[in-house]
C-alpha atoms as a PDB file:
ATOM      1  CA  MET A   1     -17.087   6.267  -8.313  1.00  0.00           C
ATOM      2  CA  PRO A   2     -14.873   4.015  -5.792  1.00  0.00           C
ATOM      3  CA  ALA A   3     -11.410   5.289  -5.186  1.00  0.00           C
ATOM      4  CA  LEU A   4      -9.070   3.643  -6.544  1.00  0.00           C
ATOM      5  CA  LEU A   5      -6.906   2.471  -3.313  1.00  0.00           C
ATOM      6  CA  SER A   6      -8.590   1.292  -0.541  1.00  0.00           C
ATOM      7  CA  LYS A   7      -8.236   2.844   3.047  1.00  0.00           C
ATOM      8  CA  THR A   8      -6.411  -0.643   3.907  1.00  0.00           C
ATOM      9  CA  THR A   9      -3.784   0.616   1.244  1.00  0.00           C
ATOM     10  CA  GLU A  10      -4.118   4.143   2.283  1.00  0.00           C
ATOM     11  CA  TYR A  11      -3.360   3.362   5.716  1.00  0.00           C
ATOM     12  CA  GLY A  12      -0.481   0.615   4.557  1.00  0.00           C
ATOM     13  CA  ILE A  13       1.552   3.277   2.439  1.00  0.00           C
ATOM     14  CA  ARG A  14       1.329   5.610   5.305  1.00  0.00           C
ATOM     15  CA  ALA A  15       2.404   3.084   7.746  1.00  0.00           C
ATOM     16  CA  VAL A  16       5.233   2.206   5.570  1.00  0.00           C
ATOM     17  CA  LEU A  17       5.895   5.511   5.352  1.00  0.00           C
ATOM     18  CA  TYR A  18       6.133   6.099   8.960  1.00  0.00           C
ATOM     19  CA  ILE A  19       8.235   2.844   9.433  1.00  0.00           C
ATOM     20  CA  ALA A  20      11.081   4.347   6.602  1.00  0.00           C
ATOM     21  CA  LEU A  21      11.151   7.901   8.587  1.00  0.00           C
ATOM     22  CA  ASN A  22      12.085   5.856  11.650  1.00  0.00           C
ATOM     23  CA  SER A  23      14.267   3.197  10.187  1.00  0.00           C
ATOM     24  CA  SER A  24      16.652   3.807  13.355  1.00  0.00           C
ATOM     25  CA  LYS A  25      14.511   1.714  15.438  1.00  0.00           C
ATOM     26  CA  TYR A  26      11.731  -1.223  15.425  1.00  0.00           C
ATOM     27  CA  ILE A  27       8.180   0.618  15.404  1.00  0.00           C
ATOM     28  CA  THR A  28       5.127  -1.008  17.074  1.00  0.00           C
ATOM     29  CA  THR A  29       1.600  -0.616  16.014  1.00  0.00           C
ATOM     30  CA  LYS A  30       0.859   1.648  19.019  1.00  0.00           C
ATOM     31  CA  GLU A  31       2.978   4.219  17.986  1.00  0.00           C
ATOM     32  CA  ILE A  32       2.075   4.170  14.205  1.00  0.00           C
ATOM     33  CA  ALA A  33      -1.513   4.387  14.957  1.00  0.00           C
ATOM     34  CA  LYS A  34      -1.169   6.874  17.174  1.00  0.00           C
ATOM     35  CA  GLU A  35       1.066   9.380  15.543  1.00  0.00           C
ATOM     36  CA  LEU A  36      -1.159   8.635  12.465  1.00  0.00           C
ATOM     37  CA  LYS A  37      -4.374   8.702  13.906  1.00  0.00           C
ATOM     38  CA  ILE A  38      -5.534   5.191  12.007  1.00  0.00           C
ATOM     39  CA  PRO A  39      -7.586   2.689  14.474  1.00  0.00           C
ATOM     40  CA  LYS A  40      -5.195   0.253  16.204  1.00  0.00           C
ATOM     41  CA  HIS A  41      -6.624  -2.586  15.169  1.00  0.00           C
ATOM     42  CA  PHE A  42      -7.184  -1.858  11.860  1.00  0.00           C
ATOM     43  CA  LEU A  43      -4.163  -0.910  11.572  1.00  0.00           C
ATOM     44  CA  ALA A  44      -2.612  -4.214  12.931  1.00  0.00           C
ATOM     45  CA  LYS A  45      -4.583  -6.402  10.473  1.00  0.00           C
ATOM     46  CA  VAL A  46      -2.988  -4.162   7.348  1.00  0.00           C
ATOM     47  CA  ILE A  47       0.701  -4.650   9.408  1.00  0.00           C
ATOM     48  CA  GLN A  48       0.136  -8.355   9.414  1.00  0.00           C
ATOM     49  CA  LYS A  49      -0.900  -8.540   5.779  1.00  0.00           C
ATOM     50  CA  LEU A  50       2.665  -6.399   5.178  1.00  0.00           C
ATOM     51  CA  VAL A  51       4.488  -8.572   7.164  1.00  0.00           C
ATOM     52  CA  ARG A  52       3.326 -12.051   5.441  1.00  0.00           C
ATOM     53  CA  SER A  53       4.148 -10.437   2.236  1.00  0.00           C
ATOM     54  CA  LYS A  54       7.625  -9.675   3.479  1.00  0.00           C
ATOM     55  CA  ILE A  55       7.045  -5.772   2.829  1.00  0.00           C
ATOM     56  CA  ILE A  56       8.310  -5.103   6.617  1.00  0.00           C
ATOM     57  CA  TYR A  57       9.877  -7.398   9.235  1.00  0.00           C
ATOM     58  CA  SER A  58       8.673  -8.273  12.482  1.00  0.00           C
ATOM     59  CA  ARG A  59      10.489  -9.068  15.855  1.00  0.00           C
ATOM     60  CA  ARG A  60       8.489 -10.019  18.973  1.00  0.00           C
ATOM     61  CA  GLY A  61       9.107  -8.920  22.599  1.00  0.00           C
ATOM     62  CA  ARG A  62       9.871  -6.242  24.981  1.00  0.00           C
ATOM     63  CA  ASN A  63      12.113  -3.796  21.819  1.00  0.00           C
ATOM     64  CA  GLY A  64      10.121  -5.651  18.982  1.00  0.00           C
ATOM     65  CA  GLY A  65       8.293  -3.815  16.611  1.00  0.00           C
ATOM     66  CA  PHE A  66       8.382  -3.666  12.770  1.00  0.00           C
ATOM     67  CA  VAL A  67      11.460  -2.157  10.465  1.00  0.00           C
ATOM     68  CA  LEU A  68      11.185  -2.145   6.434  1.00  0.00           C
ATOM     69  CA  ARG A  69      12.663  -5.426   4.784  1.00  0.00           C
ATOM     70  CA  LYS A  70      14.255  -3.559   1.866  1.00  0.00           C
ATOM     71  CA  SER A  71      15.757  -0.224   1.508  1.00  0.00           C
ATOM     72  CA  PRO A  72      13.287   2.480   0.536  1.00  0.00           C
ATOM     73  CA  ASP A  73      14.951   2.989  -3.069  1.00  0.00           C
ATOM     74  CA  LYS A  74      14.665  -0.688  -3.253  1.00  0.00           C
ATOM     75  CA  LEU A  75      10.844  -1.071  -2.549  1.00  0.00           C
ATOM     76  CA  LYS A  76       8.202   0.037  -5.097  1.00  0.00           C
ATOM     77  CA  ILE A  77       5.513   1.605  -4.001  1.00  0.00           C
ATOM     78  CA  ILE A  78       3.401  -1.095  -6.231  1.00  0.00           C
ATOM     79  CA  ASP A  79       4.693  -3.568  -4.133  1.00  0.00           C
ATOM     80  CA  VAL A  80       3.098  -2.412  -1.193  1.00  0.00           C
ATOM     81  CA  VAL A  81      -0.158  -2.106  -3.211  1.00  0.00           C
ATOM     82  CA  LEU A  82      -0.369  -5.693  -4.176  1.00  0.00           C
ATOM     83  CA  ALA A  83       0.670  -6.730  -0.758  1.00  0.00           C
ATOM     84  CA  LEU A  84      -2.358  -4.966   0.558  1.00  0.00           C
ATOM     85  CA  GLU A  85      -4.758  -4.961  -2.406  1.00  0.00           C
ATOM     86  CA  GLY A  86      -3.964  -7.903  -4.473  1.00  0.00           C
ATOM     87  CA  ASP A  87      -3.979  -8.096  -8.524  1.00  0.00           C
ATOM     88  CA  GLU A  88      -7.363  -7.906  -8.554  1.00  0.00           C
ATOM     89  CA  LEU A  89      -7.265  -4.147  -8.374  1.00  0.00           C
ATOM     90  CA  PHE A  90      -6.016  -3.740 -11.759  1.00  0.00           C
ATOM     91  CA  LYS A  91      -8.374  -6.223 -12.766  1.00  0.00           C
ATOM     92  CA  LYS A  92     -11.797  -4.947 -11.849  1.00  0.00           C
ATOM     93  CA  CYS A  93     -14.219  -2.079 -13.327  1.00  0.00           C
ATOM     94  CA  VAL A  94     -14.103   1.510 -12.231  1.00  0.00           C
ATOM     95  CA  LEU A  95     -17.747   1.547 -11.730  1.00  0.00           C
ATOM     96  CA  GLY A  96     -17.797  -1.087 -10.009  1.00  0.00           C
ATOM     97  CA  LEU A  97     -19.928  -3.328 -12.219  1.00  0.00           C
ATOM     98  CA  PRO A  98     -20.057  -7.305 -11.477  1.00  0.00           C
ATOM     99  CA  ASN A  99     -20.419  -8.136 -14.698  1.00  0.00           C
ATOM    100  CA  CYS A 100     -18.270  -5.932 -16.584  1.00  0.00           C
ATOM    101  CA  SER A 101     -14.815  -7.863 -17.959  1.00  0.00           C
ATOM    102  CA  ASP A 102     -12.806  -8.015 -21.040  1.00  0.00           C
ATOM    103  CA  GLU A 103     -15.259 -10.603 -22.477  1.00  0.00           C
ATOM    104  CA  ASN A 104     -18.138  -8.302 -21.563  1.00  0.00           C
ATOM    105  CA  PRO A 105     -17.037  -4.586 -21.257  1.00  0.00           C
ATOM    106  CA  CYS A 106     -18.706  -1.431 -20.089  1.00  0.00           C
ATOM    107  CA  SER A 107     -19.082   1.658 -21.867  1.00  0.00           C
ATOM    108  CA  VAL A 108     -15.673   2.929 -20.233  1.00  0.00           C
ATOM    109  CA  HIS A 109     -13.916  -0.270 -19.813  1.00  0.00           C
ATOM    110  CA  GLN A 110     -11.311   0.129 -22.692  1.00  0.00           C
ATOM    111  CA  ASN A 111     -10.687   3.666 -21.731  1.00  0.00           C
ATOM    112  CA  TRP A 112     -10.410   2.565 -18.434  1.00  0.00           C
ATOM    113  CA  SER A 113      -7.808  -0.466 -19.411  1.00  0.00           C
ATOM    114  CA  VAL A 114      -5.074   2.065 -20.859  1.00  0.00           C
ATOM    115  CA  ILE A 115      -5.442   4.597 -17.555  1.00  0.00           C
ATOM    116  CA  ARG A 116      -5.513   1.652 -15.315  1.00  0.00           C
ATOM    117  CA  GLU A 117      -2.134   0.231 -17.251  1.00  0.00           C
ATOM    118  CA  GLN A 118      -0.280   4.085 -16.742  1.00  0.00           C
ATOM    119  CA  ILE A 119      -1.194   3.562 -13.072  1.00  0.00           C
ATOM    120  CA  LYS A 120       0.332   0.275 -13.099  1.00  0.00           C
ATOM    121  CA  GLN A 121       3.018   1.369 -14.661  1.00  0.00           C
ATOM    122  CA  MET A 122       3.721   4.535 -12.539  1.00  0.00           C
ATOM    123  CA  LEU A 123       3.759   2.680  -9.450  1.00  0.00           C
ATOM    124  CA  SER A 124       5.835   0.185 -10.574  1.00  0.00           C
ATOM    125  CA  GLU A 125       8.496   2.801 -11.527  1.00  0.00           C
ATOM    126  CA  ARG A 126       8.392   4.835  -8.151  1.00  0.00           C
ATOM    127  CA  THR A 127       9.953   3.911  -5.196  1.00  0.00           C
ATOM    128  CA  LEU A 128       9.761   4.496  -1.562  1.00  0.00           C
ATOM    129  CA  LYS A 129      12.244   6.866  -1.782  1.00  0.00           C
ATOM    130  CA  GLU A 130      10.878   9.308  -3.663  1.00  0.00           C
ATOM    131  CA  LEU A 131       7.647   9.521  -2.029  1.00  0.00           C
ATOM    132  CA  LEU A 132       9.681  10.309   0.834  1.00  0.00           C
ATOM    133  CA  ASP A 133      12.113  12.794  -0.879  1.00  0.00           C
ATOM    134  CA  GLY A 134       8.885  14.589  -1.902  1.00  0.00           C
ATOM    135  CA  GLU A 135       7.252  16.712   0.542  1.00  0.00           C
ATOM    136  CA  VAL A 136       4.670  14.065   1.702  1.00  0.00           C
ATOM    137  CA  ARG A 137       3.115  14.548   4.869  1.00  0.00           C
ATOM    138  CA  ILE A 138       1.738  11.305   6.173  1.00  0.00           C
END
């Protein structure tokens, strides 16, 4: 079964958490990649999506880098997920069947629809701060 969240989103969530933990300064892609052991070129693409989606702010130049646009208690996990995955994540078949849809459901479609909505609701209710307050290793 395919993973619910892609590597892009996994790396994006970890990067946003790292930026939040180091909120007193601008954080570079190089630092994030090194500390989190994420390929730098891949991370750069993830970071750009987060900048375009207004999750993080980018400052160029010698003292440049990235900071969160909102405080961690105002940033919902769903915001990061949707910025990187799009709403399609909550529409596609859990088994990856290309023809599965509401009109033409596979045998697990209805069950997955309920679970998918519960996951979406949970991600919509949880903030980045809640992740930071837990004992999460990034």
